[in-house]
């Protein structure tokens, strides 16, 4: 048993904790069969197996550890943890979507950093050196130190859906919840009290209304979602009966503006990826 293990709160909290039922099932399994899977370490830092480590410590059970030598940074650790959990069946659709969104943010940040680093190295080589291209060993070494980025960009909703094994519609709802829902609404989704569809609708309400509904319980959250849906149907029904097309309500205009903003952001990310690919190909 290795006592030289560091538990970082940020890694322990990076993945949603087990439910009480899941924790009890794991504890029974460890007491019956022992800790069969090795805990994954980066140096002395515990990366995978926080729940097993806690329970083994509680009951004095032996366990094995294994080092992952490929980690170079905390971002590498986060990406590995995300991929490990996306490959498991026990997590919910919402958890899958949130993990895929986290992965997209890390990859986008890495691509931006790598593109800037490549530009800086090549600009310095052009300004200060007589050689051409990247033939100088110092330039080659500098380029080798540029942060590596995964091949997948995850810059479209469809790519996110594939990574998370969800539909594009589910990803869209999870994006809405992730960006706009209050912690109380998110908690209701995680607990299974509120569906993805209902939570995405509730997330369109002002923060105060979300909090008020959540304070009244899951049934009130569902009622709030129903009221929002019905309110959106009434103008359409009235327009259909009169045979006229009414102007879009203010909230529809705001939604369209948000869609435009997201499309622009996606295009910016695509251009960054394209620029990086072209620079690396030179």
C-alpha atoms as a PDB file:
ATOM      1  CA  UNK A   1       0.000   0.000   0.000  1.00  0.00           C
ATOM      2  CA  UNK A   2       1.449   3.363  -1.067  1.00  0.00           C
ATOM      3  CA  UNK A   3       0.969   6.075   1.536  1.00  0.00           C
ATOM      4  CA  UNK A   4       2.747   8.753  -0.545  1.00  0.00           C
ATOM      5  CA  UNK A   5      -0.345   9.905  -2.421  1.00  0.00           C
ATOM      6  CA  UNK A   6      -1.525  13.498  -2.844  1.00  0.00           C
ATOM      7  CA  UNK A   7      -5.245  14.159  -3.307  1.00  0.00           C
ATOM      8  CA  UNK A   8      -5.953  17.472  -5.033  1.00  0.00           C
ATOM      9  CA  UNK A   9      -9.439  18.866  -4.332  1.00  0.00           C
ATOM     10  CA  UNK A  10      -9.680  20.243  -7.884  1.00  0.00           C
ATOM     11  CA  UNK A  11      -9.174  16.775  -9.372  1.00  0.00           C
ATOM     12  CA  UNK A  12     -11.427  15.125  -6.823  1.00  0.00           C
ATOM     13  CA  UNK A  13     -14.206  17.563  -7.779  1.00  0.00           C
ATOM     14  CA  UNK A  14     -13.519  17.588 -11.530  1.00  0.00           C
ATOM     15  CA  UNK A  15     -15.907  14.682 -12.108  1.00  0.00           C
ATOM     16  CA  UNK A  16     -19.325  14.629 -10.425  1.00  0.00           C
ATOM     17  CA  UNK A  17     -19.301  12.559  -7.199  1.00  0.00           C
ATOM     18  CA  UNK A  18     -20.989   9.190  -6.893  1.00  0.00           C
ATOM     19  CA  UNK A  19     -24.564   9.066  -5.716  1.00  0.00           C
ATOM     20  CA  UNK A  20     -25.064   7.544  -2.234  1.00  0.00           C
ATOM     21  CA  UNK A  21     -26.344   4.359  -3.884  1.00  0.00           C
ATOM     22  CA  UNK A  22     -23.305   4.127  -6.179  1.00  0.00           C
ATOM     23  CA  UNK A  23     -20.963   4.770  -3.268  1.00  0.00           C
ATOM     24  CA  UNK A  24     -22.567   2.005  -1.213  1.00  0.00           C
ATOM     25  CA  UNK A  25     -22.334  -0.414  -4.156  1.00  0.00           C
ATOM     26  CA  UNK A  26     -18.629   0.381  -4.625  1.00  0.00           C
ATOM     27  CA  UNK A  27     -17.960  -0.095  -0.924  1.00  0.00           C
ATOM     28  CA  UNK A  28     -19.659  -3.514  -0.958  1.00  0.00           C
ATOM     29  CA  UNK A  29     -17.647  -4.512  -4.021  1.00  0.00           C
ATOM     30  CA  UNK A  30     -14.347  -3.495  -2.431  1.00  0.00           C
ATOM     31  CA  UNK A  31     -15.119  -5.338   0.796  1.00  0.00           C
ATOM     32  CA  UNK A  32     -16.115  -8.463  -1.134  1.00  0.00           C
ATOM     33  CA  UNK A  33     -13.596  -8.541  -3.984  1.00  0.00           C
ATOM     34  CA  UNK A  34     -10.874  -6.108  -2.927  1.00  0.00           C
ATOM     35  CA  UNK A  35      -9.512  -3.231  -5.015  1.00  0.00           C
ATOM     36  CA  UNK A  36      -8.904  -4.944  -8.355  1.00  0.00           C
ATOM     37  CA  UNK A  37      -8.099  -1.883 -10.485  1.00  0.00           C
ATOM     38  CA  UNK A  38      -4.910   0.097  -9.890  1.00  0.00           C
ATOM     39  CA  UNK A  39      -5.116   3.756  -8.899  1.00  0.00           C
ATOM     40  CA  UNK A  40      -3.610   6.054 -11.528  1.00  0.00           C
ATOM     41  CA  UNK A  41      -0.956   8.527 -10.367  1.00  0.00           C
ATOM     42  CA  UNK A  42       0.948  11.433 -11.883  1.00  0.00           C
ATOM     43  CA  UNK A  43       3.975  11.541  -9.654  1.00  0.00           C
ATOM     44  CA  UNK A  44       2.362  11.436  -6.234  1.00  0.00           C
ATOM     45  CA  UNK A  45      -0.873  13.073  -7.421  1.00  0.00           C
ATOM     46  CA  UNK A  46      -3.921  10.835  -7.534  1.00  0.00           C
ATOM     47  CA  UNK A  47      -5.603  11.140 -10.939  1.00  0.00           C
ATOM     48  CA  UNK A  48      -8.055   8.241 -11.097  1.00  0.00           C
ATOM     49  CA  UNK A  49      -9.551   6.226  -8.248  1.00  0.00           C
ATOM     50  CA  UNK A  50     -10.460   8.858  -5.670  1.00  0.00           C
ATOM     51  CA  UNK A  51     -13.479   6.929  -4.394  1.00  0.00           C
ATOM     52  CA  UNK A  52     -11.595   3.628  -4.254  1.00  0.00           C
ATOM     53  CA  UNK A  53      -8.699   5.287  -2.440  1.00  0.00           C
ATOM     54  CA  UNK A  54     -11.028   6.861   0.124  1.00  0.00           C
ATOM     55  CA  UNK A  55     -12.816   3.578   0.820  1.00  0.00           C
ATOM     56  CA  UNK A  56      -9.597   1.545   0.922  1.00  0.00           C
ATOM     57  CA  UNK A  57      -8.217   3.992   3.476  1.00  0.00           C
ATOM     58  CA  UNK A  58     -11.429   3.725   5.473  1.00  0.00           C
ATOM     59  CA  UNK A  59     -11.302  -0.085   5.678  1.00  0.00           C
ATOM     60  CA  UNK A  60      -7.529  -0.605   5.547  1.00  0.00           C
ATOM     61  CA  UNK A  61      -7.720  -2.443   2.220  1.00  0.00           C
ATOM     62  CA  UNK A  62      -4.614  -2.924   0.050  1.00  0.00           C
ATOM     63  CA  UNK A  63      -4.436  -1.368  -3.409  1.00  0.00           C
ATOM     64  CA  UNK A  64      -2.040  -1.020  -6.326  1.00  0.00           C
ATOM     65  CA  UNK A  65      -0.898   2.137  -8.129  1.00  0.00           C
ATOM     66  CA  UNK A  66       0.324   2.796 -11.647  1.00  0.00           C
ATOM     67  CA  UNK A  67       2.089   5.843 -13.081  1.00  0.00           C
ATOM     68  CA  UNK A  68       0.895   7.553 -16.255  1.00  0.00           C
ATOM     69  CA  UNK A  69       4.090   8.827 -17.843  1.00  0.00           C
ATOM     70  CA  UNK A  70       2.367  10.717 -20.673  1.00  0.00           C
ATOM     71  CA  UNK A  71       1.062  13.596 -18.572  1.00  0.00           C
ATOM     72  CA  UNK A  72       2.960  16.836 -19.136  1.00  0.00           C
ATOM     73  CA  UNK A  73       0.511  19.309 -17.609  1.00  0.00           C
ATOM     74  CA  UNK A  74      -2.703  19.530 -15.619  1.00  0.00           C
ATOM     75  CA  UNK A  75      -4.562  19.993 -18.908  1.00  0.00           C
ATOM     76  CA  UNK A  76      -3.264  16.570 -20.006  1.00  0.00           C
ATOM     77  CA  UNK A  77      -4.672  15.168 -16.774  1.00  0.00           C
ATOM     78  CA  UNK A  78      -8.050  16.828 -17.349  1.00  0.00           C
ATOM     79  CA  UNK A  79      -8.286  15.554 -20.934  1.00  0.00           C
ATOM     80  CA  UNK A  80      -7.407  12.033 -19.835  1.00  0.00           C
ATOM     81  CA  UNK A  81      -9.987  12.119 -17.031  1.00  0.00           C
ATOM     82  CA  UNK A  82     -12.642  13.367 -19.442  1.00  0.00           C
ATOM     83  CA  UNK A  83     -11.921  10.621 -21.977  1.00  0.00           C
ATOM     84  CA  UNK A  84     -11.960   7.967 -19.256  1.00  0.00           C
ATOM     85  CA  UNK A  85     -15.378   9.039 -18.010  1.00  0.00           C
ATOM     86  CA  UNK A  86     -16.857   9.530 -21.489  1.00  0.00           C
ATOM     87  CA  UNK A  87     -16.025   5.882 -22.084  1.00  0.00           C
ATOM     88  CA  UNK A  88     -18.039   4.723 -19.076  1.00  0.00           C
ATOM     89  CA  UNK A  89     -21.708   3.840 -19.196  1.00  0.00           C
ATOM     90  CA  UNK A  90     -22.577   4.848 -15.650  1.00  0.00           C
ATOM     91  CA  UNK A  91     -22.631   8.634 -16.187  1.00  0.00           C
ATOM     92  CA  UNK A  92     -25.743  10.511 -17.255  1.00  0.00           C
ATOM     93  CA  UNK A  93     -26.374  12.207 -20.599  1.00  0.00           C
ATOM     94  CA  UNK A  94     -26.003  15.594 -18.925  1.00  0.00           C
ATOM     95  CA  UNK A  95     -22.643  14.627 -17.453  1.00  0.00           C
ATOM     96  CA  UNK A  96     -21.490  13.399 -20.872  1.00  0.00           C
ATOM     97  CA  UNK A  97     -22.462  16.681 -22.463  1.00  0.00           C
ATOM     98  CA  UNK A  98     -20.743  18.802 -19.818  1.00  0.00           C
ATOM     99  CA  UNK A  99     -17.555  16.738 -20.095  1.00  0.00           C
ATOM    100  CA  UNK A 100     -17.569  17.145 -23.886  1.00  0.00           C
ATOM    101  CA  UNK A 101     -17.992  20.913 -23.478  1.00  0.00           C
ATOM    102  CA  UNK A 102     -15.034  20.997 -21.073  1.00  0.00           C
ATOM    103  CA  UNK A 103     -12.968  19.053 -23.582  1.00  0.00           C
ATOM    104  CA  UNK A 104     -13.889  21.524 -26.344  1.00  0.00           C
ATOM    105  CA  UNK A 105     -12.790  24.450 -24.168  1.00  0.00           C
ATOM    106  CA  UNK A 106      -9.420  22.832 -23.403  1.00  0.00           C
ATOM    107  CA  UNK A 107      -8.776  21.941 -27.047  1.00  0.00           C
ATOM    108  CA  UNK A 108      -9.766  25.406 -28.270  1.00  0.00           C
ATOM    109  CA  UNK A 109      -7.436  26.997 -25.738  1.00  0.00           C
ATOM    110  CA  UNK A 110      -4.584  24.708 -26.730  1.00  0.00           C
ATOM    111  CA  UNK A 111      -5.057  25.379 -30.433  1.00  0.00           C
ATOM    112  CA  UNK A 112      -5.017  29.117 -29.829  1.00  0.00           C
ATOM    113  CA  UNK A 113      -1.884  28.857 -27.667  1.00  0.00           C
ATOM    114  CA  UNK A 114      -0.140  26.586 -30.173  1.00  0.00           C
ATOM    115  CA  UNK A 115      -0.958  28.870 -33.097  1.00  0.00           C
ATOM    116  CA  UNK A 116       0.439  31.888 -31.237  1.00  0.00           C
ATOM    117  CA  UNK A 117       3.573  29.941 -30.255  1.00  0.00           C
ATOM    118  CA  UNK A 118       4.243  28.824 -33.830  1.00  0.00           C
ATOM    119  CA  UNK A 119       3.813  32.367 -35.106  1.00  0.00           C
ATOM    120  CA  UNK A 120       6.176  33.721 -32.455  1.00  0.00           C
ATOM    121  CA  UNK A 121       8.880  31.132 -33.202  1.00  0.00           C
ATOM    122  CA  UNK A 122       8.720  31.700 -36.949  1.00  0.00           C
ATOM    123  CA  UNK A 123       8.645  35.466 -36.573  1.00  0.00           C
ATOM    124  CA  UNK A 124      11.761  35.374 -34.378  1.00  0.00           C
ATOM    125  CA  UNK A 125      13.552  33.056 -36.803  1.00  0.00           C
ATOM    126  CA  UNK A 126      12.729  35.308 -39.753  1.00  0.00           C
ATOM    127  CA  UNK A 127      13.856  38.475 -37.976  1.00  0.00           C
ATOM    128  CA  UNK A 128      17.078  37.289 -36.364  1.00  0.00           C
ATOM    129  CA  UNK A 129      18.496  34.368 -38.324  1.00  0.00           C
ATOM    130  CA  UNK A 130      20.063  33.974 -41.777  1.00  0.00           C
ATOM    131  CA  UNK A 131      18.635  30.517 -42.404  1.00  0.00           C
ATOM    132  CA  UNK A 132      15.365  29.760 -44.119  1.00  0.00           C
ATOM    133  CA  UNK A 133      12.414  27.848 -42.759  1.00  0.00           C
ATOM    134  CA  UNK A 134      12.800  25.674 -39.691  1.00  0.00           C
ATOM    135  CA  UNK A 135      16.184  24.109 -40.480  1.00  0.00           C
ATOM    136  CA  UNK A 136      18.006  25.643 -37.516  1.00  0.00           C
ATOM    137  CA  UNK A 137      18.135  23.243 -34.548  1.00  0.00           C
ATOM    138  CA  UNK A 138      17.018  25.946 -32.111  1.00  0.00           C
ATOM    139  CA  UNK A 139      13.946  26.674 -34.223  1.00  0.00           C
ATOM    140  CA  UNK A 140      13.168  22.982 -34.558  1.00  0.00           C
ATOM    141  CA  UNK A 141      13.525  22.546 -30.802  1.00  0.00           C
ATOM    142  CA  UNK A 142      11.254  25.538 -30.145  1.00  0.00           C
ATOM    143  CA  UNK A 143       8.600  24.137 -32.446  1.00  0.00           C
ATOM    144  CA  UNK A 144       8.893  20.751 -30.742  1.00  0.00           C
ATOM    145  CA  UNK A 145       8.041  22.450 -27.448  1.00  0.00           C
ATOM    146  CA  UNK A 146       4.812  23.927 -28.822  1.00  0.00           C
ATOM    147  CA  UNK A 147       1.896  22.383 -26.874  1.00  0.00           C
ATOM    148  CA  UNK A 148       0.443  19.374 -28.667  1.00  0.00           C
ATOM    149  CA  UNK A 149      -3.259  19.518 -29.461  1.00  0.00           C
ATOM    150  CA  UNK A 150      -5.670  16.620 -30.035  1.00  0.00           C
ATOM    151  CA  UNK A 151      -6.689  15.954 -33.620  1.00  0.00           C
ATOM    152  CA  UNK A 152     -10.379  16.450 -32.911  1.00  0.00           C
ATOM    153  CA  UNK A 153     -11.479  20.085 -32.776  1.00  0.00           C
ATOM    154  CA  UNK A 154     -14.993  19.533 -31.376  1.00  0.00           C
ATOM    155  CA  UNK A 155     -15.904  22.878 -32.929  1.00  0.00           C
ATOM    156  CA  UNK A 156     -19.324  21.794 -34.156  1.00  0.00           C
ATOM    157  CA  UNK A 157     -22.350  20.537 -32.286  1.00  0.00           C
ATOM    158  CA  UNK A 158     -22.261  17.325 -34.317  1.00  0.00           C
ATOM    159  CA  UNK A 159     -18.646  16.657 -33.284  1.00  0.00           C
ATOM    160  CA  UNK A 160     -19.567  17.218 -29.644  1.00  0.00           C
ATOM    161  CA  UNK A 161     -22.490  14.827 -30.014  1.00  0.00           C
ATOM    162  CA  UNK A 162     -20.227  12.105 -31.392  1.00  0.00           C
ATOM    163  CA  UNK A 163     -17.690  12.576 -28.605  1.00  0.00           C
ATOM    164  CA  UNK A 164     -20.383  12.392 -25.924  1.00  0.00           C
ATOM    165  CA  UNK A 165     -22.481   9.699 -27.656  1.00  0.00           C
ATOM    166  CA  UNK A 166     -25.492  12.011 -27.685  1.00  0.00           C
ATOM    167  CA  UNK A 167     -27.693  13.586 -30.332  1.00  0.00           C
ATOM    168  CA  UNK A 168     -27.071  17.105 -31.619  1.00  0.00           C
ATOM    169  CA  UNK A 169     -30.411  18.138 -30.072  1.00  0.00           C
ATOM    170  CA  UNK A 170     -29.294  16.867 -26.660  1.00  0.00           C
ATOM    171  CA  UNK A 171     -26.007  18.744 -26.969  1.00  0.00           C
ATOM    172  CA  UNK A 172     -27.894  21.946 -27.797  1.00  0.00           C
ATOM    173  CA  UNK A 173     -30.013  21.563 -24.656  1.00  0.00           C
ATOM    174  CA  UNK A 174     -26.966  20.843 -22.506  1.00  0.00           C
ATOM    175  CA  UNK A 175     -25.198  23.914 -23.908  1.00  0.00           C
ATOM    176  CA  UNK A 176     -28.202  26.033 -22.953  1.00  0.00           C
ATOM    177  CA  UNK A 177     -28.304  24.584 -19.437  1.00  0.00           C
ATOM    178  CA  UNK A 178     -24.536  24.893 -19.002  1.00  0.00           C
ATOM    179  CA  UNK A 179     -24.553  28.546 -20.071  1.00  0.00           C
ATOM    180  CA  UNK A 180     -27.795  29.875 -18.552  1.00  0.00           C
ATOM    181  CA  UNK A 181     -29.185  27.613 -15.823  1.00  0.00           C
ATOM    182  CA  UNK A 182     -28.761  28.464 -12.151  1.00  0.00           C
ATOM    183  CA  UNK A 183     -26.961  25.965  -9.857  1.00  0.00           C
ATOM    184  CA  UNK A 184     -30.353  24.955  -8.439  1.00  0.00           C
ATOM    185  CA  UNK A 185     -31.664  23.988 -11.872  1.00  0.00           C
ATOM    186  CA  UNK A 186     -28.429  22.165 -12.710  1.00  0.00           C
ATOM    187  CA  UNK A 187     -28.727  20.220  -9.444  1.00  0.00           C
ATOM    188  CA  UNK A 188     -32.263  19.168 -10.387  1.00  0.00           C
ATOM    189  CA  UNK A 189     -30.991  17.846 -13.717  1.00  0.00           C
ATOM    190  CA  UNK A 190     -28.100  15.964 -12.101  1.00  0.00           C
ATOM    191  CA  UNK A 191     -30.435  14.338  -9.594  1.00  0.00           C
ATOM    192  CA  UNK A 192     -32.788  13.218 -12.356  1.00  0.00           C
ATOM    193  CA  UNK A 193     -35.696  15.310 -11.040  1.00  0.00           C
ATOM    194  CA  UNK A 194     -35.771  17.439 -14.199  1.00  0.00           C
ATOM    195  CA  UNK A 195     -35.309  16.304 -17.794  1.00  0.00           C
ATOM    196  CA  UNK A 196     -32.850  17.908 -20.190  1.00  0.00           C
ATOM    197  CA  UNK A 197     -35.681  19.370 -22.255  1.00  0.00           C
ATOM    198  CA  UNK A 198     -37.478  20.897 -19.284  1.00  0.00           C
ATOM    199  CA  UNK A 199     -34.237  22.257 -17.810  1.00  0.00           C
ATOM    200  CA  UNK A 200     -33.279  23.904 -21.116  1.00  0.00           C
ATOM    201  CA  UNK A 201     -36.671  25.625 -21.201  1.00  0.00           C
ATOM    202  CA  UNK A 202     -36.414  26.776 -17.577  1.00  0.00           C
ATOM    203  CA  UNK A 203     -32.902  28.084 -18.300  1.00  0.00           C
ATOM    204  CA  UNK A 204     -34.455  30.641 -20.657  1.00  0.00           C
ATOM    205  CA  UNK A 205     -36.105  32.338 -17.661  1.00  0.00           C
ATOM    206  CA  UNK A 206     -34.478  35.143 -15.651  1.00  0.00           C
ATOM    207  CA  UNK A 207     -32.244  33.938 -12.824  1.00  0.00           C
ATOM    208  CA  UNK A 208     -34.653  35.083 -10.104  1.00  0.00           C
ATOM    209  CA  UNK A 209     -37.527  33.106 -11.650  1.00  0.00           C
ATOM    210  CA  UNK A 210     -35.352  30.001 -11.960  1.00  0.00           C
ATOM    211  CA  UNK A 211     -34.370  30.249  -8.309  1.00  0.00           C
ATOM    212  CA  UNK A 212     -37.951  30.794  -7.160  1.00  0.00           C
ATOM    213  CA  UNK A 213     -39.176  27.777  -9.098  1.00  0.00           C
ATOM    214  CA  UNK A 214     -36.306  25.608  -7.855  1.00  0.00           C
ATOM    215  CA  UNK A 215     -36.978  26.617  -4.244  1.00  0.00           C
ATOM    216  CA  UNK A 216     -40.536  25.309  -4.628  1.00  0.00           C
ATOM    217  CA  UNK A 217     -39.346  21.889  -5.749  1.00  0.00           C
ATOM    218  CA  UNK A 218     -39.123  19.706  -8.838  1.00  0.00           C
ATOM    219  CA  UNK A 219     -42.843  19.876  -9.616  1.00  0.00           C
ATOM    220  CA  UNK A 220     -42.757  23.662  -9.764  1.00  0.00           C
ATOM    221  CA  UNK A 221     -39.758  23.511 -12.094  1.00  0.00           C
ATOM    222  CA  UNK A 222     -41.739  21.246 -14.396  1.00  0.00           C
ATOM    223  CA  UNK A 223     -44.720  23.580 -14.195  1.00  0.00           C
ATOM    224  CA  UNK A 224     -42.459  26.525 -15.042  1.00  0.00           C
ATOM    225  CA  UNK A 225     -41.196  24.700 -18.118  1.00  0.00           C
ATOM    226  CA  UNK A 226     -44.781  23.943 -19.136  1.00  0.00           C
ATOM    227  CA  UNK A 227     -45.794  27.587 -18.765  1.00  0.00           C
ATOM    228  CA  UNK A 228     -42.892  28.759 -20.919  1.00  0.00           C
ATOM    229  CA  UNK A 229     -43.770  26.251 -23.640  1.00  0.00           C
ATOM    230  CA  UNK A 230     -47.428  27.268 -23.602  1.00  0.00           C
ATOM    231  CA  UNK A 231     -46.526  30.962 -23.713  1.00  0.00           C
ATOM    232  CA  UNK A 232     -44.470  30.340 -26.833  1.00  0.00           C
ATOM    233  CA  UNK A 233     -47.317  28.450 -28.504  1.00  0.00           C
ATOM    234  CA  UNK A 234     -49.961  31.169 -28.034  1.00  0.00           C
ATOM    235  CA  UNK A 235     -48.526  33.787 -30.430  1.00  0.00           C
ATOM    236  CA  UNK A 236     -48.070  31.115 -33.100  1.00  0.00           C
ATOM    237  CA  UNK A 237     -51.626  29.877 -32.648  1.00  0.00           C
ATOM    238  CA  UNK A 238     -53.022  33.412 -32.781  1.00  0.00           C
ATOM    239  CA  UNK A 239     -51.079  34.180 -35.931  1.00  0.00           C
ATOM    240  CA  UNK A 240     -52.295  30.971 -37.565  1.00  0.00           C
ATOM    241  CA  UNK A 241     -55.937  31.781 -36.757  1.00  0.00           C
ATOM    242  CA  UNK A 242     -55.699  35.322 -38.136  1.00  0.00           C
ATOM    243  CA  UNK A 243     -53.725  34.257 -41.169  1.00  0.00           C
ATOM    244  CA  UNK A 244     -51.063  36.880 -40.463  1.00  0.00           C
ATOM    245  CA  UNK A 245     -47.420  36.666 -39.506  1.00  0.00           C
ATOM    246  CA  UNK A 246     -46.682  38.589 -36.348  1.00  0.00           C
ATOM    247  CA  UNK A 247     -43.378  40.191 -35.511  1.00  0.00           C
ATOM    248  CA  UNK A 248     -41.077  38.004 -33.468  1.00  0.00           C
ATOM    249  CA  UNK A 249     -41.327  38.686 -29.717  1.00  0.00           C
ATOM    250  CA  UNK A 250     -38.408  40.219 -27.881  1.00  0.00           C
ATOM    251  CA  UNK A 251     -37.232  36.933 -26.449  1.00  0.00           C
ATOM    252  CA  UNK A 252     -37.112  35.410 -29.948  1.00  0.00           C
ATOM    253  CA  UNK A 253     -34.984  38.312 -31.124  1.00  0.00           C
ATOM    254  CA  UNK A 254     -32.632  37.773 -28.204  1.00  0.00           C
ATOM    255  CA  UNK A 255     -32.458  34.074 -29.001  1.00  0.00           C
ATOM    256  CA  UNK A 256     -31.634  34.802 -32.625  1.00  0.00           C
ATOM    257  CA  UNK A 257     -28.924  37.211 -31.519  1.00  0.00           C
ATOM    258  CA  UNK A 258     -27.452  34.512 -29.300  1.00  0.00           C
ATOM    259  CA  UNK A 259     -27.518  32.015 -32.175  1.00  0.00           C
ATOM    260  CA  UNK A 260     -25.711  34.501 -34.388  1.00  0.00           C
ATOM    261  CA  UNK A 261     -23.129  35.069 -31.665  1.00  0.00           C
ATOM    262  CA  UNK A 262     -22.498  31.343 -31.284  1.00  0.00           C
ATOM    263  CA  UNK A 263     -22.197  30.853 -35.036  1.00  0.00           C
ATOM    264  CA  UNK A 264     -19.633  33.651 -35.168  1.00  0.00           C
ATOM    265  CA  UNK A 265     -17.693  32.028 -32.321  1.00  0.00           C
ATOM    266  CA  UNK A 266     -17.744  28.674 -34.116  1.00  0.00           C
ATOM    267  CA  UNK A 267     -16.451  30.313 -37.283  1.00  0.00           C
ATOM    268  CA  UNK A 268     -13.663  31.991 -35.320  1.00  0.00           C
ATOM    269  CA  UNK A 269     -12.619  28.630 -33.888  1.00  0.00           C
ATOM    270  CA  UNK A 270     -12.664  27.036 -37.336  1.00  0.00           C
ATOM    271  CA  UNK A 271     -10.421  29.778 -38.672  1.00  0.00           C
ATOM    272  CA  UNK A 272      -8.000  29.283 -35.782  1.00  0.00           C
ATOM    273  CA  UNK A 273      -7.843  25.564 -36.511  1.00  0.00           C
ATOM    274  CA  UNK A 274      -7.324  26.192 -40.221  1.00  0.00           C
ATOM    275  CA  UNK A 275      -4.548  28.725 -39.550  1.00  0.00           C
ATOM    276  CA  UNK A 276      -2.802  26.342 -37.169  1.00  0.00           C
ATOM    277  CA  UNK A 277      -2.994  23.472 -39.656  1.00  0.00           C
ATOM    278  CA  UNK A 278      -1.512  25.658 -42.372  1.00  0.00           C
ATOM    279  CA  UNK A 279       1.304  26.826 -40.094  1.00  0.00           C
ATOM    280  CA  UNK A 280       2.185  23.298 -39.029  1.00  0.00           C
ATOM    281  CA  UNK A 281       2.124  22.136 -42.642  1.00  0.00           C
ATOM    282  CA  UNK A 282       4.751  24.713 -43.696  1.00  0.00           C
END
